[in-house]
Amino acid sequence: MQGKDVVLGLLNQRDMSGYEIKDVFETQLKFFFDGTFGMIYPILRKLEKEGLIQKKHVVQDLKPNKNVYSITDLGKKEFKTYLNSKTVEETFKSDFLMRMYFGQELDRDKMISFIKQEIERKKTNLSELTDNYERWTNNGMNSFQEITFMYGIAYYKSEIKVLNEALEKLDGQD
């Protein structure tokens, strides 16, 4: 999956401004798609140049003007091709887990500190994802979108559980 596929998918749902796309990236998608705000506008320019989307300049009273993007028939065809293509295996990279793997090289208290920091990070992510889930549920989330949120919530809960069990095990080794 590439950023262009995600942007086409969002515009396939409804017309959006760059800011609205950014909001979805930062709230709904950030837990399972590594996209940044800086990539959105270059993608929009490229998709427009390729004829996959079109831009409409909207003049607003008492607010800055904005560009609203919509998907073209060619863009819908491109997005449909992506959706029907074979899925690829997930890529998982974790600095924390690499440190755990080589943890015998560090002080035990340092490793325990890393675990506690990671638990707090996961709790923060879980809280944010849960809040976003409630926010987006009220905005008309479909059942497939709900699956992505429930998957993420279960994922963070299981990580917190494993890390808490690791702490208990380390405490028992004292």
N, C-alpha and C. Protein backbone atom coordinates (compact mmCIF):
# COMPACT_ATOMS: atom_id res chain seq x y z
N MET A 1 0.84 -1.16 0.00
CA MET A 1 0.00 0.00 0.00
C MET A 1 0.90 1.23 0.00
N GLN A 2 0.54 2.14 -0.83
CA GLN A 2 1.27 3.40 -0.93
C GLN A 2 0.35 4.54 -0.50
N GLY A 3 0.95 5.69 -0.22
CA GLY A 3 0.18 6.85 0.18
C GLY A 3 -0.87 7.23 -0.85
N LYS A 4 -0.54 7.05 -2.13
CA LYS A 4 -1.50 7.42 -3.18
C LYS A 4 -2.75 6.55 -3.10
N ASP A 5 -2.58 5.28 -2.75
CA ASP A 5 -3.73 4.38 -2.61
C ASP A 5 -4.64 4.84 -1.48
N VAL A 6 -4.03 5.28 -0.38
CA VAL A 6 -4.80 5.74 0.77
C VAL A 6 -5.56 7.03 0.42
N VAL A 7 -4.88 7.97 -0.22
CA VAL A 7 -5.53 9.22 -0.59
C VAL A 7 -6.67 8.96 -1.57
N LEU A 8 -6.44 8.10 -2.55
CA LEU A 8 -7.52 7.76 -3.49
C LEU A 8 -8.69 7.13 -2.74
N GLY A 9 -8.40 6.27 -1.78
CA GLY A 9 -9.46 5.63 -1.00
C GLY A 9 -10.27 6.65 -0.22
N LEU A 10 -9.59 7.60 0.39
CA LEU A 10 -10.31 8.62 1.15
C LEU A 10 -11.19 9.47 0.24
N LEU A 11 -10.63 9.85 -0.92
CA LEU A 11 -11.41 10.66 -1.85
C LEU A 11 -12.50 9.85 -2.53
N ASN A 12 -12.35 8.54 -2.55
CA ASN A 12 -13.41 7.68 -3.07
C ASN A 12 -14.63 7.70 -2.14
N GLN A 13 -14.37 7.95 -0.85
CA GLN A 13 -15.47 8.04 0.12
C GLN A 13 -16.20 9.36 0.02
N ARG A 14 -15.43 10.46 -0.14
CA ARG A 14 -16.04 11.79 -0.24
C ARG A 14 -14.97 12.79 -0.66
N ASP A 15 -15.41 13.92 -1.19
CA ASP A 15 -14.49 15.01 -1.52
C ASP A 15 -13.91 15.55 -0.22
N MET A 16 -12.62 15.92 -0.26
CA MET A 16 -11.95 16.39 0.95
C MET A 16 -10.92 17.45 0.61
N SER A 17 -10.63 18.30 1.60
CA SER A 17 -9.52 19.24 1.49
C SER A 17 -8.26 18.52 1.98
N GLY A 18 -7.12 19.12 1.73
CA GLY A 18 -5.88 18.55 2.23
C GLY A 18 -5.88 18.46 3.74
N TYR A 19 -6.46 19.47 4.40
CA TYR A 19 -6.54 19.47 5.85
C TYR A 19 -7.40 18.32 6.35
N GLU A 20 -8.52 18.05 5.68
CA GLU A 20 -9.39 16.93 6.09
C GLU A 20 -8.67 15.60 5.91
N ILE A 21 -7.91 15.47 4.83
CA ILE A 21 -7.12 14.24 4.61
C ILE A 21 -6.10 14.10 5.73
N LYS A 22 -5.42 15.19 6.08
CA LYS A 22 -4.44 15.18 7.17
C LYS A 22 -5.10 14.72 8.47
N ASP A 23 -6.30 15.22 8.74
CA ASP A 23 -7.01 14.85 9.97
C ASP A 23 -7.27 13.34 10.02
N VAL A 24 -7.68 12.76 8.91
CA VAL A 24 -7.93 11.31 8.87
C VAL A 24 -6.62 10.55 9.08
N PHE A 25 -5.53 11.01 8.44
CA PHE A 25 -4.22 10.38 8.63
C PHE A 25 -3.82 10.40 10.09
N GLU A 26 -4.06 11.52 10.77
CA GLU A 26 -3.61 11.69 12.15
C GLU A 26 -4.52 11.04 13.18
N THR A 27 -5.75 10.75 12.83
CA THR A 27 -6.66 10.18 13.82
C THR A 27 -7.05 8.74 13.50
N GLN A 28 -7.56 8.51 12.31
CA GLN A 28 -8.05 7.17 11.99
C GLN A 28 -6.94 6.23 11.52
N LEU A 29 -5.98 6.75 10.76
CA LEU A 29 -5.04 5.86 10.09
C LEU A 29 -3.67 5.75 10.75
N LYS A 30 -3.33 6.63 11.65
CA LYS A 30 -1.96 6.70 12.16
C LYS A 30 -1.49 5.44 12.88
N PHE A 31 -2.39 4.62 13.34
CA PHE A 31 -1.99 3.45 14.09
C PHE A 31 -1.65 2.26 13.20
N PHE A 32 -1.96 2.36 11.90
CA PHE A 32 -1.63 1.25 11.03
C PHE A 32 -1.14 1.66 9.65
N PHE A 33 -0.99 2.96 9.44
CA PHE A 33 -0.38 3.43 8.20
C PHE A 33 0.59 4.54 8.54
N ASP A 34 1.82 4.37 8.08
CA ASP A 34 2.88 5.32 8.39
C ASP A 34 2.90 6.43 7.35
N GLY A 35 1.96 7.34 7.47
CA GLY A 35 1.88 8.47 6.55
C GLY A 35 2.10 9.75 7.31
N THR A 36 2.65 10.74 6.64
CA THR A 36 2.93 12.01 7.29
C THR A 36 2.20 13.13 6.58
N PHE A 37 2.04 14.24 7.28
CA PHE A 37 1.40 15.41 6.71
C PHE A 37 2.19 15.90 5.49
N GLY A 38 3.51 15.83 5.58
CA GLY A 38 4.36 16.31 4.50
C GLY A 38 4.22 15.55 3.20
N MET A 39 3.67 14.36 3.25
CA MET A 39 3.52 13.57 2.02
C MET A 39 2.19 13.83 1.31
N ILE A 40 1.24 14.41 2.01
CA ILE A 40 -0.12 14.55 1.47
C ILE A 40 -0.15 15.46 0.24
N TYR A 41 0.40 16.65 0.35
CA TYR A 41 0.29 17.59 -0.77
C TYR A 41 1.10 17.16 -2.00
N PRO A 42 2.29 16.61 -1.85
CA PRO A 42 2.97 16.08 -3.04
C PRO A 42 2.16 14.97 -3.72
N ILE A 43 1.52 14.12 -2.94
CA ILE A 43 0.69 13.05 -3.50
C ILE A 43 -0.50 13.67 -4.23
N LEU A 44 -1.14 14.66 -3.62
CA LEU A 44 -2.29 15.30 -4.26
C LEU A 44 -1.88 15.93 -5.60
N ARG A 45 -0.73 16.61 -5.63
CA ARG A 45 -0.26 17.20 -6.89
C ARG A 45 -0.01 16.14 -7.95
N LYS A 46 0.62 15.03 -7.54
CA LYS A 46 0.92 13.95 -8.48
C LYS A 46 -0.36 13.31 -9.01
N LEU A 47 -1.30 13.04 -8.11
CA LEU A 47 -2.57 12.42 -8.53
C LEU A 47 -3.35 13.34 -9.47
N GLU A 48 -3.30 14.64 -9.19
CA GLU A 48 -3.98 15.59 -10.06
C GLU A 48 -3.32 15.61 -11.44
N LYS A 49 -2.00 15.62 -11.46
CA LYS A 49 -1.25 15.63 -12.73
C LYS A 49 -1.56 14.38 -13.55
N GLU A 50 -1.75 13.25 -12.86
CA GLU A 50 -2.04 11.98 -13.55
C GLU A 50 -3.52 11.85 -13.93
N GLY A 51 -4.33 12.82 -13.55
CA GLY A 51 -5.75 12.80 -13.90
C GLY A 51 -6.58 11.87 -13.01
N LEU A 52 -6.03 11.48 -11.86
CA LEU A 52 -6.73 10.57 -10.96
C LEU A 52 -7.65 11.32 -9.99
N ILE A 53 -7.35 12.59 -9.77
CA ILE A 53 -8.19 13.45 -8.94
C ILE A 53 -8.28 14.81 -9.62
N GLN A 54 -9.24 15.61 -9.15
CA GLN A 54 -9.33 16.99 -9.62
C GLN A 54 -9.50 17.90 -8.42
N LYS A 55 -9.06 19.12 -8.60
CA LYS A 55 -9.06 20.10 -7.52
C LYS A 55 -10.06 21.22 -7.85
N LYS A 56 -10.81 21.62 -6.83
CA LYS A 56 -11.74 22.73 -6.97
C LYS A 56 -11.37 23.77 -5.91
N HIS A 57 -11.13 24.99 -6.33
CA HIS A 57 -10.80 26.08 -5.41
C HIS A 57 -12.11 26.63 -4.83
N VAL A 58 -12.24 26.61 -3.51
CA VAL A 58 -13.46 27.04 -2.83
C VAL A 58 -13.17 28.34 -2.08
N VAL A 59 -13.92 29.36 -2.41
CA VAL A 59 -13.82 30.65 -1.72
C VAL A 59 -14.73 30.61 -0.51
N GLN A 60 -14.18 31.03 0.65
CA GLN A 60 -14.94 30.98 1.90
C GLN A 60 -15.01 32.36 2.53
N ASP A 61 -16.12 32.67 3.15
CA ASP A 61 -16.26 33.92 3.89
C ASP A 61 -15.68 33.75 5.29
N LEU A 62 -14.93 34.73 5.73
CA LEU A 62 -14.36 34.78 7.08
C LEU A 62 -13.38 33.66 7.39
N LYS A 63 -13.01 32.88 6.38
CA LYS A 63 -12.02 31.81 6.54
C LYS A 63 -11.14 31.82 5.29
N PRO A 64 -9.93 31.26 5.41
CA PRO A 64 -9.09 31.18 4.22
C PRO A 64 -9.74 30.30 3.15
N ASN A 65 -9.50 30.64 1.90
CA ASN A 65 -9.98 29.80 0.81
C ASN A 65 -9.31 28.44 0.90
N LYS A 66 -9.91 27.45 0.27
CA LYS A 66 -9.32 26.10 0.33
C LYS A 66 -9.52 25.38 -1.00
N ASN A 67 -8.72 24.35 -1.16
CA ASN A 67 -8.86 23.46 -2.31
C ASN A 67 -9.55 22.18 -1.84
N VAL A 68 -10.54 21.77 -2.59
CA VAL A 68 -11.24 20.52 -2.29
C VAL A 68 -10.97 19.56 -3.44
N TYR A 69 -10.57 18.35 -3.09
CA TYR A 69 -10.18 17.36 -4.08
C TYR A 69 -11.27 16.31 -4.22
N SER A 70 -11.46 15.86 -5.44
CA SER A 70 -12.41 14.78 -5.70
C SER A 70 -11.76 13.77 -6.65
N ILE A 71 -12.19 12.55 -6.54
CA ILE A 71 -11.62 11.48 -7.36
C ILE A 71 -12.32 11.47 -8.73
N THR A 72 -11.55 11.19 -9.76
CA THR A 72 -12.11 11.09 -11.12
C THR A 72 -12.48 9.63 -11.40
N ASP A 73 -13.12 9.39 -12.52
CA ASP A 73 -13.43 8.00 -12.90
C ASP A 73 -12.16 7.19 -13.06
N LEU A 74 -11.12 7.82 -13.62
CA LEU A 74 -9.83 7.13 -13.77
C LEU A 74 -9.24 6.81 -12.39
N GLY A 75 -9.39 7.74 -11.45
CA GLY A 75 -8.92 7.51 -10.08
C GLY A 75 -9.68 6.38 -9.40
N LYS A 76 -10.99 6.32 -9.64
CA LYS A 76 -11.80 5.23 -9.07
C LYS A 76 -11.34 3.88 -9.62
N LYS A 77 -11.03 3.86 -10.91
CA LYS A 77 -10.54 2.62 -11.53
C LYS A 77 -9.20 2.21 -10.93
N GLU A 78 -8.31 3.18 -10.75
CA GLU A 78 -6.99 2.93 -10.15
C GLU A 78 -7.15 2.40 -8.71
N PHE A 79 -8.04 3.02 -7.94
CA PHE A 79 -8.27 2.59 -6.56
C PHE A 79 -8.85 1.18 -6.52
N LYS A 80 -9.79 0.90 -7.40
CA LYS A 80 -10.40 -0.43 -7.47
C LYS A 80 -9.33 -1.49 -7.80
N THR A 81 -8.41 -1.14 -8.69
CA THR A 81 -7.31 -2.06 -9.02
C THR A 81 -6.47 -2.35 -7.79
N TYR A 82 -6.15 -1.30 -7.02
CA TYR A 82 -5.39 -1.50 -5.79
C TYR A 82 -6.17 -2.41 -4.83
N LEU A 83 -7.45 -2.11 -4.60
CA LEU A 83 -8.23 -2.90 -3.65
C LEU A 83 -8.30 -4.37 -4.03
N ASN A 84 -8.34 -4.66 -5.31
CA ASN A 84 -8.45 -6.05 -5.77
C ASN A 84 -7.11 -6.75 -5.90
N SER A 85 -6.01 -6.03 -5.69
CA SER A 85 -4.70 -6.66 -5.80
C SER A 85 -4.42 -7.49 -4.54
N LYS A 86 -3.47 -8.36 -4.65
CA LYS A 86 -3.09 -9.24 -3.54
C LYS A 86 -2.51 -8.40 -2.40
N THR A 87 -2.87 -8.75 -1.17
CA THR A 87 -2.30 -8.04 -0.02
C THR A 87 -0.86 -8.48 0.18
N VAL A 88 -0.06 -7.60 0.76
CA VAL A 88 1.33 -7.92 1.04
C VAL A 88 1.50 -8.13 2.54
N GLU A 89 2.52 -8.88 2.89
CA GLU A 89 2.77 -9.16 4.30
C GLU A 89 3.09 -7.87 5.04
N GLU A 90 2.62 -7.78 6.27
CA GLU A 90 2.88 -6.60 7.09
C GLU A 90 4.36 -6.49 7.40
N THR A 91 4.82 -5.26 7.52
CA THR A 91 6.19 -4.98 7.93
C THR A 91 6.15 -4.46 9.35
N PHE A 92 6.94 -5.06 10.21
CA PHE A 92 6.94 -4.65 11.61
C PHE A 92 8.36 -4.33 12.02
N LYS A 93 8.58 -3.11 12.50
CA LYS A 93 9.89 -2.68 12.98
C LYS A 93 9.69 -2.06 14.35
N SER A 94 10.56 -2.45 15.29
CA SER A 94 10.41 -1.92 16.64
C SER A 94 11.79 -1.71 17.26
N ASP A 95 12.12 -0.46 17.51
CA ASP A 95 13.36 -0.14 18.21
C ASP A 95 13.34 -0.74 19.61
N PHE A 96 12.19 -0.66 20.27
CA PHE A 96 12.05 -1.22 21.61
C PHE A 96 12.37 -2.72 21.63
N LEU A 97 11.80 -3.48 20.69
CA LEU A 97 12.04 -4.92 20.69
C LEU A 97 13.49 -5.26 20.34
N MET A 98 14.13 -4.45 19.53
CA MET A 98 15.56 -4.70 19.25
C MET A 98 16.38 -4.49 20.52
N ARG A 99 16.03 -3.51 21.31
CA ARG A 99 16.73 -3.28 22.58
C ARG A 99 16.47 -4.44 23.55
N MET A 100 15.25 -4.96 23.54
CA MET A 100 14.95 -6.11 24.39
C MET A 100 15.77 -7.32 23.95
N TYR A 101 15.85 -7.51 22.65
CA TYR A 101 16.58 -8.66 22.10
C TYR A 101 18.04 -8.64 22.55
N PHE A 102 18.62 -7.45 22.58
CA PHE A 102 20.03 -7.32 22.99
C PHE A 102 20.16 -6.83 24.43
N GLY A 103 19.09 -6.98 25.20
CA GLY A 103 19.03 -6.45 26.55
C GLY A 103 20.09 -6.96 27.51
N GLN A 104 20.65 -8.12 27.26
CA GLN A 104 21.67 -8.66 28.16
C GLN A 104 22.90 -7.76 28.20
N GLU A 105 23.03 -6.88 27.23
CA GLU A 105 24.18 -5.97 27.17
C GLU A 105 23.98 -4.71 28.02
N LEU A 106 22.77 -4.51 28.52
CA LEU A 106 22.48 -3.32 29.31
C LEU A 106 22.19 -3.67 30.76
N ASP A 107 22.25 -2.67 31.59
CA ASP A 107 21.92 -2.81 33.00
C ASP A 107 20.45 -3.22 33.12
N ARG A 108 20.17 -4.12 34.05
CA ARG A 108 18.82 -4.65 34.26
C ARG A 108 17.81 -3.53 34.56
N ASP A 109 18.22 -2.57 35.40
CA ASP A 109 17.34 -1.46 35.74
C ASP A 109 17.01 -0.62 34.51
N LYS A 110 17.97 -0.48 33.61
CA LYS A 110 17.75 0.27 32.37
C LYS A 110 16.70 -0.45 31.52
N MET A 111 16.80 -1.76 31.43
CA MET A 111 15.84 -2.54 30.65
C MET A 111 14.44 -2.45 31.26
N ILE A 112 14.36 -2.51 32.58
CA ILE A 112 13.07 -2.36 33.25
C ILE A 112 12.50 -0.97 32.96
N SER A 113 13.34 0.04 32.97
CA SER A 113 12.92 1.40 32.63
C SER A 113 12.37 1.46 31.21
N PHE A 114 13.04 0.80 30.26
CA PHE A 114 12.57 0.76 28.87
C PHE A 114 11.18 0.11 28.78
N ILE A 115 11.00 -0.98 29.53
CA ILE A 115 9.72 -1.68 29.52
C ILE A 115 8.62 -0.77 30.06
N LYS A 116 8.90 -0.09 31.17
CA LYS A 116 7.91 0.80 31.77
C LYS A 116 7.57 1.96 30.82
N GLN A 117 8.58 2.50 30.15
CA GLN A 117 8.34 3.56 29.17
C GLN A 117 7.46 3.06 28.02
N GLU A 118 7.73 1.84 27.58
CA GLU A 118 6.96 1.28 26.47
C GLU A 118 5.51 1.02 26.88
N ILE A 119 5.31 0.57 28.11
CA ILE A 119 3.95 0.37 28.62
C ILE A 119 3.20 1.70 28.60
N GLU A 120 3.83 2.76 29.06
CA GLU A 120 3.18 4.07 29.07
C GLU A 120 2.89 4.54 27.65
N ARG A 121 3.81 4.31 26.73
CA ARG A 121 3.59 4.69 25.32
C ARG A 121 2.39 3.93 24.75
N LYS A 122 2.32 2.64 25.05
CA LYS A 122 1.20 1.82 24.55
C LYS A 122 -0.12 2.26 25.19
N LYS A 123 -0.09 2.61 26.46
CA LYS A 123 -1.30 3.08 27.13
C LYS A 123 -1.78 4.39 26.52
N THR A 124 -0.84 5.27 26.21
CA THR A 124 -1.18 6.54 25.56
C THR A 124 -1.80 6.28 24.19
N ASN A 125 -1.19 5.39 23.41
CA ASN A 125 -1.72 5.05 22.09
C ASN A 125 -3.10 4.42 22.20
N LEU A 126 -3.28 3.54 23.17
CA LEU A 126 -4.57 2.89 23.37
C LEU A 126 -5.64 3.93 23.72
N SER A 127 -5.30 4.84 24.61
CA SER A 127 -6.24 5.88 25.00
C SER A 127 -6.61 6.76 23.80
N GLU A 128 -5.61 7.15 23.03
CA GLU A 128 -5.87 7.98 21.86
C GLU A 128 -6.72 7.24 20.82
N LEU A 129 -6.40 5.98 20.60
CA LEU A 129 -7.17 5.19 19.64
C LEU A 129 -8.61 5.01 20.11
N THR A 130 -8.80 4.76 21.40
CA THR A 130 -10.14 4.61 21.95
C THR A 130 -10.94 5.91 21.82
N ASP A 131 -10.29 7.03 22.13
CA ASP A 131 -10.95 8.34 21.99
C ASP A 131 -11.33 8.59 20.53
N ASN A 132 -10.40 8.30 19.62
CA ASN A 132 -10.68 8.49 18.19
C ASN A 132 -11.79 7.57 17.72
N TYR A 133 -11.82 6.35 18.25
CA TYR A 133 -12.87 5.40 17.90
C TYR A 133 -14.23 5.99 18.26
N GLU A 134 -14.34 6.51 19.47
CA GLU A 134 -15.61 7.10 19.91
C GLU A 134 -15.97 8.31 19.04
N ARG A 135 -14.96 9.12 18.71
CA ARG A 135 -15.20 10.31 17.88
C ARG A 135 -15.69 9.90 16.50
N TRP A 136 -15.02 8.91 15.90
CA TRP A 136 -15.37 8.53 14.54
C TRP A 136 -16.64 7.68 14.48
N THR A 137 -16.94 6.98 15.56
CA THR A 137 -18.20 6.23 15.61
C THR A 137 -19.37 7.19 15.49
N ASN A 138 -19.24 8.35 16.15
CA ASN A 138 -20.30 9.36 16.10
C ASN A 138 -20.38 10.06 14.74
N ASN A 139 -19.35 9.90 13.91
CA ASN A 139 -19.32 10.52 12.58
C ASN A 139 -19.68 9.53 11.48
N GLY A 140 -20.26 8.39 11.82
CA GLY A 140 -20.74 7.46 10.80
C GLY A 140 -19.72 6.48 10.27
N MET A 141 -18.97 5.86 11.13
CA MET A 141 -17.98 4.86 10.72
C MET A 141 -18.71 3.61 10.20
N ASN A 142 -18.19 3.03 9.12
CA ASN A 142 -18.80 1.80 8.63
C ASN A 142 -18.21 0.58 9.35
N SER A 143 -18.80 -0.57 9.17
CA SER A 143 -18.39 -1.76 9.93
C SER A 143 -16.96 -2.20 9.60
N PHE A 144 -16.51 -1.97 8.38
CA PHE A 144 -15.14 -2.35 8.03
C PHE A 144 -14.12 -1.41 8.67
N GLN A 145 -14.46 -0.13 8.74
CA GLN A 145 -13.59 0.82 9.44
C GLN A 145 -13.55 0.49 10.93
N GLU A 146 -14.68 0.07 11.46
CA GLU A 146 -14.73 -0.30 12.87
C GLU A 146 -13.81 -1.48 13.16
N ILE A 147 -13.71 -2.41 12.23
CA ILE A 147 -12.79 -3.55 12.40
C ILE A 147 -11.36 -3.08 12.60
N THR A 148 -10.95 -2.05 11.82
CA THR A 148 -9.57 -1.57 11.96
C THR A 148 -9.33 -0.98 13.35
N PHE A 149 -10.31 -0.26 13.88
CA PHE A 149 -10.15 0.30 15.22
C PHE A 149 -10.13 -0.81 16.27
N MET A 150 -11.03 -1.77 16.16
CA MET A 150 -11.09 -2.86 17.14
C MET A 150 -9.80 -3.69 17.11
N TYR A 151 -9.27 -3.90 15.92
CA TYR A 151 -7.99 -4.60 15.76
C TYR A 151 -6.89 -3.84 16.51
N GLY A 152 -6.83 -2.54 16.29
CA GLY A 152 -5.81 -1.72 16.94
C GLY A 152 -5.96 -1.70 18.45
N ILE A 153 -7.18 -1.60 18.94
CA ILE A 153 -7.42 -1.60 20.38
C ILE A 153 -6.99 -2.92 20.99
N ALA A 154 -7.34 -4.03 20.36
CA ALA A 154 -6.93 -5.35 20.86
C ALA A 154 -5.41 -5.49 20.82
N TYR A 155 -4.79 -4.96 19.78
CA TYR A 155 -3.34 -5.02 19.61
C TYR A 155 -2.64 -4.33 20.78
N TYR A 156 -3.05 -3.10 21.10
CA TYR A 156 -2.41 -2.38 22.19
C TYR A 156 -2.69 -3.02 23.54
N LYS A 157 -3.90 -3.51 23.74
CA LYS A 157 -4.21 -4.20 25.01
C LYS A 157 -3.32 -5.42 25.19
N SER A 158 -3.12 -6.19 24.12
CA SER A 158 -2.29 -7.40 24.24
C SER A 158 -0.82 -7.03 24.48
N GLU A 159 -0.34 -5.97 23.85
CA GLU A 159 1.04 -5.54 24.09
C GLU A 159 1.24 -5.12 25.55
N ILE A 160 0.30 -4.35 26.07
CA ILE A 160 0.38 -3.92 27.47
C ILE A 160 0.38 -5.13 28.39
N LYS A 161 -0.46 -6.11 28.10
CA LYS A 161 -0.54 -7.33 28.91
C LYS A 161 0.80 -8.07 28.91
N VAL A 162 1.39 -8.26 27.75
CA VAL A 162 2.67 -8.97 27.63
C VAL A 162 3.77 -8.22 28.38
N LEU A 163 3.81 -6.91 28.24
CA LEU A 163 4.85 -6.13 28.90
C LEU A 163 4.67 -6.12 30.41
N ASN A 164 3.44 -6.05 30.89
CA ASN A 164 3.20 -6.14 32.34
C ASN A 164 3.61 -7.51 32.88
N GLU A 165 3.33 -8.56 32.12
CA GLU A 165 3.76 -9.91 32.53
C GLU A 165 5.28 -10.00 32.55
N ALA A 166 5.95 -9.35 31.61
CA ALA A 166 7.42 -9.35 31.59
C ALA A 166 7.97 -8.66 32.83
N LEU A 167 7.35 -7.55 33.22
CA LEU A 167 7.78 -6.85 34.43
C LEU A 167 7.61 -7.72 35.66
N GLU A 168 6.47 -8.39 35.75
CA GLU A 168 6.23 -9.29 36.88
C GLU A 168 7.29 -10.41 36.93
N LYS A 169 7.60 -10.95 35.78
CA LYS A 169 8.60 -12.02 35.70
C LYS A 169 9.97 -11.51 36.15
N LEU A 170 10.33 -10.31 35.69
CA LEU A 170 11.62 -9.72 36.08
C LEU A 170 11.64 -9.42 37.57
N ASP A 171 10.52 -8.94 38.13
CA ASP A 171 10.44 -8.68 39.57
C ASP A 171 10.59 -9.98 40.36
N GLY A 172 10.07 -11.07 39.83
CA GLY A 172 10.17 -12.38 40.49
C GLY A 172 11.57 -12.96 40.46
N GLN A 173 12.42 -12.43 39.62
CA GLN A 173 13.80 -12.94 39.52
C GLN A 173 14.74 -12.24 40.48
N ASP A 174 14.22 -11.27 41.24
CA ASP A 174 15.09 -10.55 42.20
C ASP A 174 15.50 -11.45 43.33
